[in-house]
PDB file of N, CA and C in Angstrom:
ATOM      1  N   UNK A   1      24.046 -23.614 -44.637  1.00  0.00           N
ATOM      2  CA  UNK A   1      23.698 -24.853 -45.281  1.00  0.00           C
ATOM      3  C   UNK A   1      22.500 -25.523 -44.601  1.00  0.00           C
ATOM      4  N   UNK A   2      22.328 -25.284 -43.313  1.00  0.00           N
ATOM      5  CA  UNK A   2      21.226 -25.913 -42.584  1.00  0.00           C
ATOM      6  C   UNK A   2      19.981 -25.038 -42.533  1.00  0.00           C
ATOM      7  N   UNK A   3      20.027 -23.893 -43.165  1.00  0.00           N
ATOM      8  CA  UNK A   3      18.894 -22.973 -43.118  1.00  0.00           C
ATOM      9  C   UNK A   3      18.227 -22.880 -44.485  1.00  0.00           C
ATOM     10  N   UNK A   4      16.931 -22.748 -44.434  1.00  0.00           N
ATOM     11  CA  UNK A   4      16.171 -22.538 -45.659  1.00  0.00           C
ATOM     12  C   UNK A   4      15.442 -21.212 -45.505  1.00  0.00           C
ATOM     13  N   UNK A   5      15.606 -20.337 -46.460  1.00  0.00           N
ATOM     14  CA  UNK A   5      14.933 -19.050 -46.417  1.00  0.00           C
ATOM     15  C   UNK A   5      13.563 -19.157 -47.062  1.00  0.00           C
ATOM     16  N   UNK A   6      12.564 -18.712 -46.342  1.00  0.00           N
ATOM     17  CA  UNK A   6      11.214 -18.618 -46.885  1.00  0.00           C
ATOM     18  C   UNK A   6      10.894 -17.143 -47.022  1.00  0.00           C
ATOM     19  N   UNK A   7      10.693 -16.714 -48.225  1.00  0.00           N
ATOM     20  CA  UNK A   7      10.388 -15.314 -48.459  1.00  0.00           C
ATOM     21  C   UNK A   7       8.904 -15.070 -48.252  1.00  0.00           C
ATOM     22  N   UNK A   8       8.608 -14.064 -47.466  1.00  0.00           N
ATOM     23  CA  UNK A   8       7.224 -13.690 -47.217  1.00  0.00           C
ATOM     24  C   UNK A   8       6.738 -12.781 -48.337  1.00  0.00           C
ATOM     25  N   UNK A   9       5.452 -12.823 -48.629  1.00  0.00           N
ATOM     26  CA  UNK A   9       4.942 -11.925 -49.671  1.00  0.00           C
ATOM     27  C   UNK A   9       5.018 -10.480 -49.196  1.00  0.00           C
ATOM     28  N   UNK A  10       5.055  -9.546 -50.124  1.00  0.00           N
ATOM     29  CA  UNK A  10       5.018  -8.146 -49.720  1.00  0.00           C
ATOM     30  C   UNK A  10       3.701  -7.859 -49.012  1.00  0.00           C
ATOM     31  N   UNK A  11       3.614  -6.702 -48.435  1.00  0.00           N
ATOM     32  CA  UNK A  11       2.411  -6.305 -47.705  1.00  0.00           C
ATOM     33  C   UNK A  11       1.178  -6.638 -48.529  1.00  0.00           C
ATOM     34  N   UNK A  12       0.300  -7.460 -47.976  1.00  0.00           N
ATOM     35  CA  UNK A  12      -0.888  -7.921 -48.697  1.00  0.00           C
ATOM     36  C   UNK A  12      -2.117  -7.812 -47.804  1.00  0.00           C
ATOM     37  N   UNK A  13      -2.749  -6.649 -47.756  1.00  0.00           N
ATOM     38  CA  UNK A  13      -3.915  -6.496 -46.881  1.00  0.00           C
ATOM     39  C   UNK A  13      -5.064  -7.416 -47.249  1.00  0.00           C
ATOM     40  N   UNK A  14      -5.135  -7.848 -48.508  1.00  0.00           N
ATOM     41  CA  UNK A  14      -6.217  -8.744 -48.905  1.00  0.00           C
ATOM     42  C   UNK A  14      -6.099 -10.112 -48.232  1.00  0.00           C
ATOM     43  N   UNK A  15      -4.922 -10.430 -47.709  1.00  0.00           N
ATOM     44  CA  UNK A  15      -4.736 -11.698 -47.014  1.00  0.00           C
ATOM     45  C   UNK A  15      -5.022 -11.585 -45.522  1.00  0.00           C
ATOM     46  N   UNK A  16      -5.236 -10.379 -45.038  1.00  0.00           N
ATOM     47  CA  UNK A  16      -5.454 -10.148 -43.616  1.00  0.00           C
ATOM     48  C   UNK A  16      -6.789  -9.428 -43.424  1.00  0.00           C
ATOM     49  N   UNK A  17      -7.834 -10.129 -43.008  1.00  0.00           N
ATOM     50  CA  UNK A  17      -9.171  -9.524 -42.917  1.00  0.00           C
ATOM     51  C   UNK A  17      -9.253  -8.293 -42.020  1.00  0.00           C
ATOM     52  N   UNK A  18      -8.430  -8.215 -40.980  1.00  0.00           N
ATOM     53  CA  UNK A  18      -8.521  -7.058 -40.085  1.00  0.00           C
ATOM     54  C   UNK A  18      -8.170  -5.769 -40.823  1.00  0.00           C
ATOM     55  N   UNK A  19      -7.358  -5.868 -41.855  1.00  0.00           N
ATOM     56  CA  UNK A  19      -7.022  -4.677 -42.636  1.00  0.00           C
ATOM     57  C   UNK A  19      -8.265  -4.092 -43.293  1.00  0.00           C
ATOM     58  N   UNK A  20      -9.180  -4.959 -43.720  1.00  0.00           N
ATOM     59  CA  UNK A  20     -10.434  -4.469 -44.309  1.00  0.00           C
ATOM     60  C   UNK A  20     -11.288  -3.768 -43.263  1.00  0.00           C
ATOM     61  N   UNK A  21     -11.278  -4.295 -42.038  1.00  0.00           N
ATOM     62  CA  UNK A  21     -12.041  -3.659 -40.957  1.00  0.00           C
ATOM     63  C   UNK A  21     -11.484  -2.274 -40.667  1.00  0.00           C
ATOM     64  N   UNK A  22     -10.164  -2.156 -40.561  1.00  0.00           N
ATOM     65  CA  UNK A  22      -9.569  -0.849 -40.268  1.00  0.00           C
ATOM     66  C   UNK A  22      -9.813   0.131 -41.410  1.00  0.00           C
ATOM     67  N   UNK A  23      -9.741  -0.331 -42.637  1.00  0.00           N
ATOM     68  CA  UNK A  23     -10.008   0.552 -43.774  1.00  0.00           C
ATOM     69  C   UNK A  23     -11.436   1.077 -43.719  1.00  0.00           C
ATOM     70  N   UNK A  24     -12.379   0.192 -43.443  1.00  0.00           N
ATOM     71  CA  UNK A  24     -13.778   0.587 -43.337  1.00  0.00           C
ATOM     72  C   UNK A  24     -13.986   1.529 -42.152  1.00  0.00           C
ATOM     73  N   UNK A  25     -13.328   1.254 -41.041  1.00  0.00           N
ATOM     74  CA  UNK A  25     -13.428   2.116 -39.860  1.00  0.00           C
ATOM     75  C   UNK A  25     -12.901   3.507 -40.170  1.00  0.00           C
ATOM     76  N   UNK A  26     -11.750   3.577 -40.793  1.00  0.00           N
ATOM     77  CA  UNK A  26     -11.197   4.891 -41.153  1.00  0.00           C
ATOM     78  C   UNK A  26     -12.144   5.641 -42.075  1.00  0.00           C
ATOM     79  N   UNK A  27     -12.677   4.944 -43.060  1.00  0.00           N
ATOM     80  CA  UNK A  27     -13.551   5.588 -44.035  1.00  0.00           C
ATOM     81  C   UNK A  27     -14.841   6.106 -43.384  1.00  0.00           C
ATOM     82  N   UNK A  28     -15.438   5.309 -42.507  1.00  0.00           N
ATOM     83  CA  UNK A  28     -16.729   5.676 -41.935  1.00  0.00           C
ATOM     84  C   UNK A  28     -16.629   6.560 -40.697  1.00  0.00           C
ATOM     85  N   UNK A  29     -15.543   6.466 -39.960  1.00  0.00           N
ATOM     86  CA  UNK A  29     -15.470   7.163 -38.671  1.00  0.00           C
ATOM     87  C   UNK A  29     -14.435   8.281 -38.608  1.00  0.00           C
ATOM     88  N   UNK A  30     -13.319   8.085 -39.237  1.00  0.00           N
ATOM     89  CA  UNK A  30     -12.187   8.965 -38.987  1.00  0.00           C
ATOM     90  C   UNK A  30     -11.834   9.884 -40.143  1.00  0.00           C
ATOM     91  N   UNK A  31     -12.256   9.535 -41.330  1.00  0.00           N
ATOM     92  CA  UNK A  31     -11.857  10.290 -42.518  1.00  0.00           C
ATOM     93  C   UNK A  31     -12.346  11.735 -42.467  1.00  0.00           C
ATOM     94  N   UNK A  32     -11.417  12.638 -42.696  1.00  0.00           N
ATOM     95  CA  UNK A  32     -11.718  14.066 -42.835  1.00  0.00           C
ATOM     96  C   UNK A  32     -12.377  14.652 -41.586  1.00  0.00           C
ATOM     97  N   UNK A  33     -11.958  14.172 -40.431  1.00  0.00           N
ATOM     98  CA  UNK A  33     -12.470  14.691 -39.163  1.00  0.00           C
ATOM     99  C   UNK A  33     -11.302  15.058 -38.270  1.00  0.00           C
ATOM    100  N   UNK A  34     -11.528  16.066 -37.457  1.00  0.00           N
ATOM    101  CA  UNK A  34     -10.519  16.495 -36.492  1.00  0.00           C
ATOM    102  C   UNK A  34     -10.937  16.051 -35.098  1.00  0.00           C
ATOM    103  N   UNK A  35     -10.016  15.435 -34.381  1.00  0.00           N
ATOM    104  CA  UNK A  35     -10.249  15.019 -33.004  1.00  0.00           C
ATOM    105  C   UNK A  35      -9.201  15.698 -32.130  1.00  0.00           C
ATOM    106  N   UNK A  36      -9.623  16.604 -31.261  1.00  0.00           N
ATOM    107  CA  UNK A  36      -8.643  17.325 -30.443  1.00  0.00           C
ATOM    108  C   UNK A  36      -7.948  16.444 -29.406  1.00  0.00           C
ATOM    109  N   UNK A  37      -8.595  15.352 -29.001  1.00  0.00           N
ATOM    110  CA  UNK A  37      -7.976  14.468 -28.009  1.00  0.00           C
ATOM    111  C   UNK A  37      -8.178  13.011 -28.429  1.00  0.00           C
ATOM    112  N   UNK A  38      -7.263  12.174 -28.016  1.00  0.00           N
ATOM    113  CA  UNK A  38      -7.298  10.757 -28.369  1.00  0.00           C
ATOM    114  C   UNK A  38      -8.560  10.066 -27.852  1.00  0.00           C
ATOM    115  N   UNK A  39      -9.059  10.506 -26.718  1.00  0.00           N
ATOM    116  CA  UNK A  39     -10.251   9.884 -26.142  1.00  0.00           C
ATOM    117  C   UNK A  39     -11.439   9.957 -27.098  1.00  0.00           C
ATOM    118  N   UNK A  40     -11.533  11.021 -27.870  1.00  0.00           N
ATOM    119  CA  UNK A  40     -12.623  11.150 -28.844  1.00  0.00           C
ATOM    120  C   UNK A  40     -12.478  10.127 -29.970  1.00  0.00           C
ATOM    121  N   UNK A  41     -11.269   9.892 -30.405  1.00  0.00           N
ATOM    122  CA  UNK A  41     -11.024   8.880 -31.441  1.00  0.00           C
ATOM    123  C   UNK A  41     -11.447   7.508 -30.916  1.00  0.00           C
ATOM    124  N   UNK A  42     -11.023   7.201 -29.710  1.00  0.00           N
ATOM    125  CA  UNK A  42     -11.362   5.911 -29.107  1.00  0.00           C
ATOM    126  C   UNK A  42     -12.873   5.761 -28.989  1.00  0.00           C
ATOM    127  N   UNK A  43     -13.556   6.806 -28.551  1.00  0.00           N
ATOM    128  CA  UNK A  43     -15.011   6.746 -28.388  1.00  0.00           C
ATOM    129  C   UNK A  43     -15.716   6.497 -29.719  1.00  0.00           C
ATOM    130  N   UNK A  44     -15.280   7.174 -30.774  1.00  0.00           N
ATOM    131  CA  UNK A  44     -15.905   7.000 -32.089  1.00  0.00           C
ATOM    132  C   UNK A  44     -15.677   5.587 -32.615  1.00  0.00           C
ATOM    133  N   UNK A  45     -14.474   5.083 -32.475  1.00  0.00           N
ATOM    134  CA  UNK A  45     -14.167   3.731 -32.956  1.00  0.00           C
ATOM    135  C   UNK A  45     -14.928   2.691 -32.134  1.00  0.00           C
ATOM    136  N   UNK A  46     -14.977   2.869 -30.822  1.00  0.00           N
ATOM    137  CA  UNK A  46     -15.729   1.927 -29.984  1.00  0.00           C
ATOM    138  C   UNK A  46     -17.209   1.925 -30.350  1.00  0.00           C
ATOM    139  N   UNK A  47     -17.767   3.089 -30.620  1.00  0.00           N
ATOM    140  CA  UNK A  47     -19.170   3.174 -31.024  1.00  0.00           C
ATOM    141  C   UNK A  47     -19.397   2.429 -32.330  1.00  0.00           C
ATOM    142  N   UNK A  48     -18.493   2.611 -33.281  1.00  0.00           N
ATOM    143  CA  UNK A  48     -18.631   1.914 -34.564  1.00  0.00           C
ATOM    144  C   UNK A  48     -18.548   0.404 -34.379  1.00  0.00           C
ATOM    145  N   UNK A  49     -17.600  -0.045 -33.579  1.00  0.00           N
ATOM    146  CA  UNK A  49     -17.471  -1.483 -33.337  1.00  0.00           C
ATOM    147  C   UNK A  49     -18.706  -2.024 -32.629  1.00  0.00           C
ATOM    148  N   UNK A  50     -19.262  -1.252 -31.721  1.00  0.00           N
ATOM    149  CA  UNK A  50     -20.484  -1.670 -31.029  1.00  0.00           C
ATOM    150  C   UNK A  50     -21.636  -1.807 -32.023  1.00  0.00           C
ATOM    151  N   UNK A  51     -21.715  -0.892 -32.977  1.00  0.00           N
ATOM    152  CA  UNK A  51     -22.751  -0.976 -34.006  1.00  0.00           C
ATOM    153  C   UNK A  51     -22.591  -2.228 -34.859  1.00  0.00           C
ATOM    154  N   UNK A  52     -21.366  -2.655 -35.070  1.00  0.00           N
ATOM    155  CA  UNK A  52     -21.096  -3.834 -35.888  1.00  0.00           C
ATOM    156  C   UNK A  52     -21.251  -5.140 -35.119  1.00  0.00           C
ATOM    157  N   UNK A  53     -21.283  -5.063 -33.813  1.00  0.00           N
ATOM    158  CA  UNK A  53     -21.254  -6.265 -32.979  1.00  0.00           C
ATOM    159  C   UNK A  53     -22.381  -7.245 -33.300  1.00  0.00           C
ATOM    160  N   UNK A  54     -23.571  -6.758 -33.574  1.00  0.00           N
ATOM    161  CA  UNK A  54     -24.719  -7.634 -33.799  1.00  0.00           C
ATOM    162  C   UNK A  54     -24.834  -8.101 -35.241  1.00  0.00           C
ATOM    163  N   UNK A  55     -23.792  -7.972 -35.986  1.00  0.00           N
ATOM    164  CA  UNK A  55     -23.830  -8.360 -37.397  1.00  0.00           C
ATOM    165  C   UNK A  55     -24.105  -7.134 -38.244  1.00  0.00           C
ATOM    166  N   UNK A  56     -23.594  -7.166 -39.431  1.00  0.00           N
ATOM    167  CA  UNK A  56     -23.698  -5.991 -40.271  1.00  0.00           C
ATOM    168  C   UNK A  56     -23.582  -6.416 -41.728  1.00  0.00           C
ATOM    169  N   UNK A  57     -24.463  -5.912 -42.534  1.00  0.00           N
ATOM    170  CA  UNK A  57     -24.456  -6.254 -43.958  1.00  0.00           C
ATOM    171  C   UNK A  57     -23.164  -5.799 -44.635  1.00  0.00           C
ATOM    172  N   UNK A  58     -22.658  -4.638 -44.250  1.00  0.00           N
ATOM    173  CA  UNK A  58     -21.422  -4.133 -44.851  1.00  0.00           C
ATOM    174  C   UNK A  58     -20.267  -5.075 -44.562  1.00  0.00           C
ATOM    175  N   UNK A  59     -20.140  -5.497 -43.312  1.00  0.00           N
ATOM    176  CA  UNK A  59     -19.053  -6.416 -42.975  1.00  0.00           C
ATOM    177  C   UNK A  59     -19.228  -7.761 -43.667  1.00  0.00           C
ATOM    178  N   UNK A  60     -20.462  -8.214 -43.790  1.00  0.00           N
ATOM    179  CA  UNK A  60     -20.704  -9.479 -44.479  1.00  0.00           C
ATOM    180  C   UNK A  60     -20.260  -9.380 -45.935  1.00  0.00           C
ATOM    181  N   UNK A  61     -20.566  -8.252 -46.567  1.00  0.00           N
ATOM    182  CA  UNK A  61     -20.172  -8.071 -47.961  1.00  0.00           C
ATOM    183  C   UNK A  61     -18.659  -7.975 -48.115  1.00  0.00           C
ATOM    184  N   UNK A  62     -17.973  -7.554 -47.074  1.00  0.00           N
ATOM    185  CA  UNK A  62     -16.508  -7.512 -47.093  1.00  0.00           C
ATOM    186  C   UNK A  62     -15.915  -8.879 -46.758  1.00  0.00           C
ATOM    187  N   UNK A  63     -16.786  -9.855 -46.539  1.00  0.00           N
ATOM    188  CA  UNK A  63     -16.362 -11.223 -46.193  1.00  0.00           C
ATOM    189  C   UNK A  63     -15.612 -11.253 -44.876  1.00  0.00           C
ATOM    190  N   UNK A  64     -16.067 -10.442 -43.926  1.00  0.00           N
ATOM    191  CA  UNK A  64     -15.412 -10.381 -42.626  1.00  0.00           C
ATOM    192  C   UNK A  64     -16.204 -11.158 -41.585  1.00  0.00           C
ATOM    193  N   UNK A  65     -17.522 -11.243 -41.733  1.00  0.00           N
ATOM    194  CA  UNK A  65     -18.319 -11.967 -40.736  1.00  0.00           C
ATOM    195  C   UNK A  65     -18.829 -13.257 -41.321  1.00  0.00           C
TER     196      UNK A  65
END
């Protein structure tokens, strides 16, 4: 009687901007590639993030920056 249930929406990546970043990262860096060790995955993702650090038209168009 003293509790009110608030239902959360189902998974909604459009409400969470980081989901768009990860989708773009997967598409540009990780899609259809084999990485024998985790360190290579980390290096590729870090390189991509470094490229985006100074601003990026793609991220701006995704409404992330």
